[in-house]
PDB file of N, CA and C in Angstrom:
ATOM      1  N   MET A   1       7.171  34.412  -6.294  1.00  0.00           N
ATOM      2  CA  MET A   1       6.586  33.121  -5.962  1.00  0.00           C
ATOM      3  C   MET A   1       6.581  32.961  -4.449  1.00  0.00           C
ATOM      4  N   GLN A   2       5.423  32.615  -3.926  1.00  0.00           N
ATOM      5  CA  GLN A   2       5.291  32.449  -2.493  1.00  0.00           C
ATOM      6  C   GLN A   2       5.135  30.970  -2.159  1.00  0.00           C
ATOM      7  N   ILE A   3       5.934  30.507  -1.225  1.00  0.00           N
ATOM      8  CA  ILE A   3       5.860  29.115  -0.793  1.00  0.00           C
ATOM      9  C   ILE A   3       5.162  29.091   0.550  1.00  0.00           C
ATOM     10  N   THR A   4       4.147  28.267   0.661  1.00  0.00           N
ATOM     11  CA  THR A   4       3.410  28.179   1.915  1.00  0.00           C
ATOM     12  C   THR A   4       3.810  26.921   2.663  1.00  0.00           C
ATOM     13  N   THR A   5       3.746  26.998   3.963  1.00  0.00           N
ATOM     14  CA  THR A   5       4.047  25.857   4.806  1.00  0.00           C
ATOM     15  C   THR A   5       2.812  24.964   4.877  1.00  0.00           C
ATOM     16  N   PRO A   6       2.991  23.651   4.741  1.00  0.00           N
ATOM     17  CA  PRO A   6       1.831  22.758   4.822  1.00  0.00           C
ATOM     18  C   PRO A   6       1.138  22.863   6.174  1.00  0.00           C
ATOM     19  N   VAL A   7      -0.155  22.705   6.153  1.00  0.00           N
ATOM     20  CA  VAL A   7      -0.930  22.714   7.389  1.00  0.00           C
ATOM     21  C   VAL A   7      -0.685  21.402   8.111  1.00  0.00           C
ATOM     22  N   LEU A   8      -0.567  21.477   9.432  1.00  0.00           N
ATOM     23  CA  LEU A   8      -0.243  20.284  10.200  1.00  0.00           C
ATOM     24  C   LEU A   8      -1.254  19.167  10.013  1.00  0.00           C
ATOM     25  N   SER A   9      -2.528  19.484   9.908  1.00  0.00           N
ATOM     26  CA  SER A   9      -3.524  18.433   9.719  1.00  0.00           C
ATOM     27  C   SER A   9      -3.323  17.718   8.386  1.00  0.00           C
ATOM     28  N   GLU A  10      -2.881  18.451   7.359  1.00  0.00           N
ATOM     29  CA  GLU A  10      -2.585  17.821   6.071  1.00  0.00           C
ATOM     30  C   GLU A  10      -1.403  16.875   6.200  1.00  0.00           C
ATOM     31  N   ASP A  11      -0.390  17.284   6.960  1.00  0.00           N
ATOM     32  CA  ASP A  11       0.762  16.412   7.198  1.00  0.00           C
ATOM     33  C   ASP A  11       0.328  15.139   7.922  1.00  0.00           C
ATOM     34  N   ARG A  12      -0.536  15.307   8.910  1.00  0.00           N
ATOM     35  CA  ARG A  12      -1.018  14.160   9.686  1.00  0.00           C
ATOM     36  C   ARG A  12      -1.826  13.226   8.789  1.00  0.00           C
ATOM     37  N   ASP A  13      -2.705  13.788   7.972  1.00  0.00           N
ATOM     38  CA  ASP A  13      -3.518  12.986   7.057  1.00  0.00           C
ATOM     39  C   ASP A  13      -2.635  12.233   6.067  1.00  0.00           C
ATOM     40  N   CYS A  14      -1.606  12.889   5.582  1.00  0.00           N
ATOM     41  CA  CYS A  14      -0.679  12.245   4.645  1.00  0.00           C
ATOM     42  C   CYS A  14       0.053  11.098   5.335  1.00  0.00           C
ATOM     43  N   GLN A  15       0.473  11.308   6.576  1.00  0.00           N
ATOM     44  CA  GLN A  15       1.179  10.266   7.321  1.00  0.00           C
ATOM     45  C   GLN A  15       0.266   9.075   7.578  1.00  0.00           C
ATOM     46  N   ILE A  16      -0.993   9.342   7.898  1.00  0.00           N
ATOM     47  CA  ILE A  16      -1.953   8.259   8.118  1.00  0.00           C
ATOM     48  C   ILE A  16      -2.139   7.458   6.837  1.00  0.00           C
ATOM     49  N   ALA A  17      -2.273   8.147   5.711  1.00  0.00           N
ATOM     50  CA  ALA A  17      -2.442   7.465   4.426  1.00  0.00           C
ATOM     51  C   ALA A  17      -1.224   6.603   4.099  1.00  0.00           C
ATOM     52  N   LEU A  18      -0.036   7.134   4.353  1.00  0.00           N
ATOM     53  CA  LEU A  18       1.185   6.361   4.089  1.00  0.00           C
ATOM     54  C   LEU A  18       1.259   5.127   4.981  1.00  0.00           C
ATOM     55  N   ASN A  19       0.888   5.282   6.249  1.00  0.00           N
ATOM     56  CA  ASN A  19       0.897   4.138   7.163  1.00  0.00           C
ATOM     57  C   ASN A  19      -0.114   3.082   6.733  1.00  0.00           C
ATOM     58  N   ASP A  20      -1.304   3.508   6.308  1.00  0.00           N
ATOM     59  CA  ASP A  20      -2.314   2.564   5.831  1.00  0.00           C
ATOM     60  C   ASP A  20      -1.807   1.809   4.611  1.00  0.00           C
ATOM     61  N   HIS A  21      -1.159   2.524   3.696  1.00  0.00           N
ATOM     62  CA  HIS A  21      -0.629   1.898   2.485  1.00  0.00           C
ATOM     63  C   HIS A  21       0.475   0.904   2.847  1.00  0.00           C
ATOM     64  N   LYS A  22       1.330   1.288   3.761  1.00  0.00           N
ATOM     65  CA  LYS A  22       2.416   0.400   4.193  1.00  0.00           C
ATOM     66  C   LYS A  22       1.842  -0.873   4.804  1.00  0.00           C
ATOM     67  N   GLN A  23       0.821  -0.757   5.629  1.00  0.00           N
ATOM     68  CA  GLN A  23       0.201  -1.932   6.241  1.00  0.00           C
ATOM     69  C   GLN A  23      -0.434  -2.829   5.177  1.00  0.00           C
ATOM     70  N   ALA A  24      -1.033  -2.224   4.169  1.00  0.00           N
ATOM     71  CA  ALA A  24      -1.642  -3.000   3.089  1.00  0.00           C
ATOM     72  C   ALA A  24      -0.592  -3.824   2.356  1.00  0.00           C
ATOM     73  N   ILE A  25       0.532  -3.199   2.051  1.00  0.00           N
ATOM     74  CA  ILE A  25       1.614  -3.907   1.353  1.00  0.00           C
ATOM     75  C   ILE A  25       2.204  -4.993   2.246  1.00  0.00           C
ATOM     76  N   GLU A  26       2.346  -4.708   3.534  1.00  0.00           N
ATOM     77  CA  GLU A  26       2.873  -5.717   4.459  1.00  0.00           C
ATOM     78  C   GLU A  26       1.943  -6.920   4.556  1.00  0.00           C
ATOM     79  N   ARG A  27       0.620  -6.707   4.489  1.00  0.00           N
ATOM     80  CA  ARG A  27      -0.329  -7.832   4.483  1.00  0.00           C
ATOM     81  C   ARG A  27      -0.113  -8.706   3.249  1.00  0.00           C
ATOM     82  N   ALA A  28       0.065  -8.072   2.108  1.00  0.00           N
ATOM     83  CA  ALA A  28       0.286  -8.831   0.870  1.00  0.00           C
ATOM     84  C   ALA A  28       1.594  -9.616   0.949  1.00  0.00           C
ATOM     85  N   ILE A  29       2.636  -9.008   1.466  1.00  0.00           N
ATOM     86  CA  ILE A  29       3.928  -9.696   1.604  1.00  0.00           C
ATOM     87  C   ILE A  29       3.803 -10.869   2.562  1.00  0.00           C
ATOM     88  N   HIS A  30       3.072 -10.684   3.649  1.00  0.00           N
ATOM     89  CA  HIS A  30       2.860 -11.769   4.615  1.00  0.00           C
ATOM     90  C   HIS A  30       2.171 -12.956   3.946  1.00  0.00           C
ATOM     91  N   VAL A  31       1.150 -12.679   3.140  1.00  0.00           N
ATOM     92  CA  VAL A  31       0.452 -13.755   2.434  1.00  0.00           C
ATOM     93  C   VAL A  31       1.406 -14.464   1.482  1.00  0.00           C
ATOM     94  N   MET A  32       2.255 -13.725   0.787  1.00  0.00           N
ATOM     95  CA  MET A  32       3.219 -14.363  -0.118  1.00  0.00           C
ATOM     96  C   MET A  32       4.147 -15.297   0.653  1.00  0.00           C
ATOM     97  N   HIS A  33       4.605 -14.856   1.811  1.00  0.00           N
ATOM     98  CA  HIS A  33       5.526 -15.664   2.611  1.00  0.00           C
ATOM     99  C   HIS A  33       4.844 -16.900   3.171  1.00  0.00           C
ATOM    100  N   THR A  34       3.586 -16.776   3.576  1.00  0.00           N
ATOM    101  CA  THR A  34       2.904 -17.907   4.198  1.00  0.00           C
ATOM    102  C   THR A  34       2.277 -18.865   3.184  1.00  0.00           C
ATOM    103  N   HIS A  35       2.259 -18.491   1.919  1.00  0.00           N
ATOM    104  CA  HIS A  35       1.667 -19.338   0.874  1.00  0.00           C
ATOM    105  C   HIS A  35       2.650 -19.539  -0.285  1.00  0.00           C
ATOM    106  N   LEU A  36       3.923 -19.763   0.055  1.00  0.00           N
ATOM    107  CA  LEU A  36       4.959 -19.893  -0.970  1.00  0.00           C
ATOM    108  C   LEU A  36       4.697 -21.026  -1.952  1.00  0.00           C
ATOM    109  N   SER A  37       4.079 -22.087  -1.490  1.00  0.00           N
ATOM    110  CA  SER A  37       3.873 -23.243  -2.372  1.00  0.00           C
ATOM    111  C   SER A  37       2.612 -23.118  -3.227  1.00  0.00           C
ATOM    112  N   GLU A  38       1.862 -22.046  -3.035  1.00  0.00           N
ATOM    113  CA  GLU A  38       0.614 -21.861  -3.780  1.00  0.00           C
ATOM    114  C   GLU A  38       0.788 -20.832  -4.892  1.00  0.00           C
ATOM    115  N   LEU A  39      -0.028 -20.982  -5.915  1.00  0.00           N
ATOM    116  CA  LEU A  39      -0.063 -19.999  -6.992  1.00  0.00           C
ATOM    117  C   LEU A  39      -0.960 -18.848  -6.549  1.00  0.00           C
ATOM    118  N   LEU A  40      -0.388 -17.678  -6.390  1.00  0.00           N
ATOM    119  CA  LEU A  40      -1.149 -16.496  -5.991  1.00  0.00           C
ATOM    120  C   LEU A  40      -1.227 -15.542  -7.177  1.00  0.00           C
ATOM    121  N   THR A  41      -2.408 -15.050  -7.426  1.00  0.00           N
ATOM    122  CA  THR A  41      -2.583 -14.093  -8.515  1.00  0.00           C
ATOM    123  C   THR A  41      -2.470 -12.675  -7.963  1.00  0.00           C
ATOM    124  N   LEU A  42      -2.313 -11.747  -8.864  1.00  0.00           N
ATOM    125  CA  LEU A  42      -2.291 -10.344  -8.472  1.00  0.00           C
ATOM    126  C   LEU A  42      -3.604  -9.968  -7.797  1.00  0.00           C
ATOM    127  N   GLU A  43      -4.702 -10.525  -8.289  1.00  0.00           N
ATOM    128  CA  GLU A  43      -6.006 -10.253  -7.695  1.00  0.00           C
ATOM    129  C   GLU A  43      -6.076 -10.769  -6.262  1.00  0.00           C
ATOM    130  N   ASP A  44      -5.460 -11.931  -6.002  1.00  0.00           N
ATOM    131  CA  ASP A  44      -5.415 -12.469  -4.636  1.00  0.00           C
ATOM    132  C   ASP A  44      -4.705 -11.497  -3.700  1.00  0.00           C
ATOM    133  N   LEU A  45      -3.546 -11.047  -4.121  1.00  0.00           N
ATOM    134  CA  LEU A  45      -2.749 -10.145  -3.279  1.00  0.00           C
ATOM    135  C   LEU A  45      -3.414  -8.790  -3.120  1.00  0.00           C
ATOM    136  N   ALA A  46      -3.997  -8.298  -4.176  1.00  0.00           N
ATOM    137  CA  ALA A  46      -4.694  -7.015  -4.107  1.00  0.00           C
ATOM    138  C   ALA A  46      -5.869  -7.103  -3.143  1.00  0.00           C
ATOM    139  N   SER A  47      -6.566  -8.220  -3.160  1.00  0.00           N
ATOM    140  CA  SER A  47      -7.705  -8.414  -2.270  1.00  0.00           C
ATOM    141  C   SER A  47      -7.279  -8.401  -0.803  1.00  0.00           C
ATOM    142  N   VAL A  48      -6.191  -9.077  -0.501  1.00  0.00           N
ATOM    143  CA  VAL A  48      -5.674  -9.109   0.871  1.00  0.00           C
ATOM    144  C   VAL A  48      -5.255  -7.721   1.330  1.00  0.00           C
ATOM    145  N   ALA A  49      -4.695  -6.949   0.420  1.00  0.00           N
ATOM    146  CA  ALA A  49      -4.200  -5.616   0.746  1.00  0.00           C
ATOM    147  C   ALA A  49      -5.292  -4.547   0.656  1.00  0.00           C
ATOM    148  N   TYR A  50      -6.492  -4.949   0.223  1.00  0.00           N
ATOM    149  CA  TYR A  50      -7.598  -4.000   0.026  1.00  0.00           C
ATOM    150  C   TYR A  50      -7.214  -2.910  -0.972  1.00  0.00           C
ATOM    151  N   LEU A  51      -6.502  -3.317  -2.016  1.00  0.00           N
ATOM    152  CA  LEU A  51      -6.096  -2.397  -3.078  1.00  0.00           C
ATOM    153  C   LEU A  51      -6.592  -2.937  -4.414  1.00  0.00           C
ATOM    154  N   SER A  52      -6.649  -2.071  -5.401  1.00  0.00           N
ATOM    155  CA  SER A  52      -6.969  -2.539  -6.745  1.00  0.00           C
ATOM    156  C   SER A  52      -5.720  -3.205  -7.321  1.00  0.00           C
ATOM    157  N   PRO A  53      -5.886  -4.122  -8.269  1.00  0.00           N
ATOM    158  CA  PRO A  53      -4.703  -4.739  -8.886  1.00  0.00           C
ATOM    159  C   PRO A  53      -3.746  -3.718  -9.495  1.00  0.00           C
ATOM    160  N   THR A  54      -4.289  -2.661 -10.082  1.00  0.00           N
ATOM    161  CA  THR A  54      -3.437  -1.627 -10.696  1.00  0.00           C
ATOM    162  C   THR A  54      -2.578  -0.948  -9.637  1.00  0.00           C
ATOM    163  N   ILE A  55      -3.173  -0.573  -8.527  1.00  0.00           N
ATOM    164  CA  ILE A  55      -2.415   0.080  -7.440  1.00  0.00           C
ATOM    165  C   ILE A  55      -1.397  -0.883  -6.864  1.00  0.00           C
ATOM    166  N   SER A  56      -1.738  -2.163  -6.788  1.00  0.00           N
ATOM    167  CA  SER A  56      -0.798  -3.161  -6.265  1.00  0.00           C
ATOM    168  C   SER A  56       0.454  -3.231  -7.132  1.00  0.00           C
ATOM    169  N   ILE A  57       0.273  -3.217  -8.449  1.00  0.00           N
ATOM    170  CA  ILE A  57       1.428  -3.258  -9.356  1.00  0.00           C
ATOM    171  C   ILE A  57       2.324  -2.050  -9.113  1.00  0.00           C
ATOM    172  N   VAL A  58       1.731  -0.896  -9.040  1.00  0.00           N
ATOM    173  CA  VAL A  58       2.501   0.341  -8.831  1.00  0.00           C
ATOM    174  C   VAL A  58       3.221   0.299  -7.498  1.00  0.00           C
ATOM    175  N   SER A  59       2.579  -0.216  -6.472  1.00  0.00           N
ATOM    176  CA  SER A  59       3.177  -0.266  -5.142  1.00  0.00           C
ATOM    177  C   SER A  59       4.387  -1.180  -5.104  1.00  0.00           C
ATOM    178  N   PHE A  60       4.275  -2.351  -5.734  1.00  0.00           N
ATOM    179  CA  PHE A  60       5.395  -3.286  -5.712  1.00  0.00           C
ATOM    180  C   PHE A  60       6.502  -2.871  -6.666  1.00  0.00           C
ATOM    181  N   ALA A  61       6.177  -2.120  -7.673  1.00  0.00           N
ATOM    182  CA  ALA A  61       7.197  -1.646  -8.608  1.00  0.00           C
ATOM    183  C   ALA A  61       8.054  -0.550  -7.985  1.00  0.00           C
ATOM    184  N   ALA A  62       7.493   0.150  -7.044  1.00  0.00           N
ATOM    185  CA  ALA A  62       8.211   1.274  -6.404  1.00  0.00           C
ATOM    186  C   ALA A  62       9.181   0.777  -5.433  1.00  0.00           C
TER     187      ALA A  62
END
């Protein structure tokens, strides 16, 4: 079995994707904090984070 080292551009792309995802979740959390007295739906939060509701559930569950 041969193990290959990841290509640096793939590592960079993965890091960019993780940072984008983190920013999306932080936007949703910010909205929750600034709208505590309002009823927010999963669709509301997903929209702010530019994610689908399904991905939002998975992200917050992790």
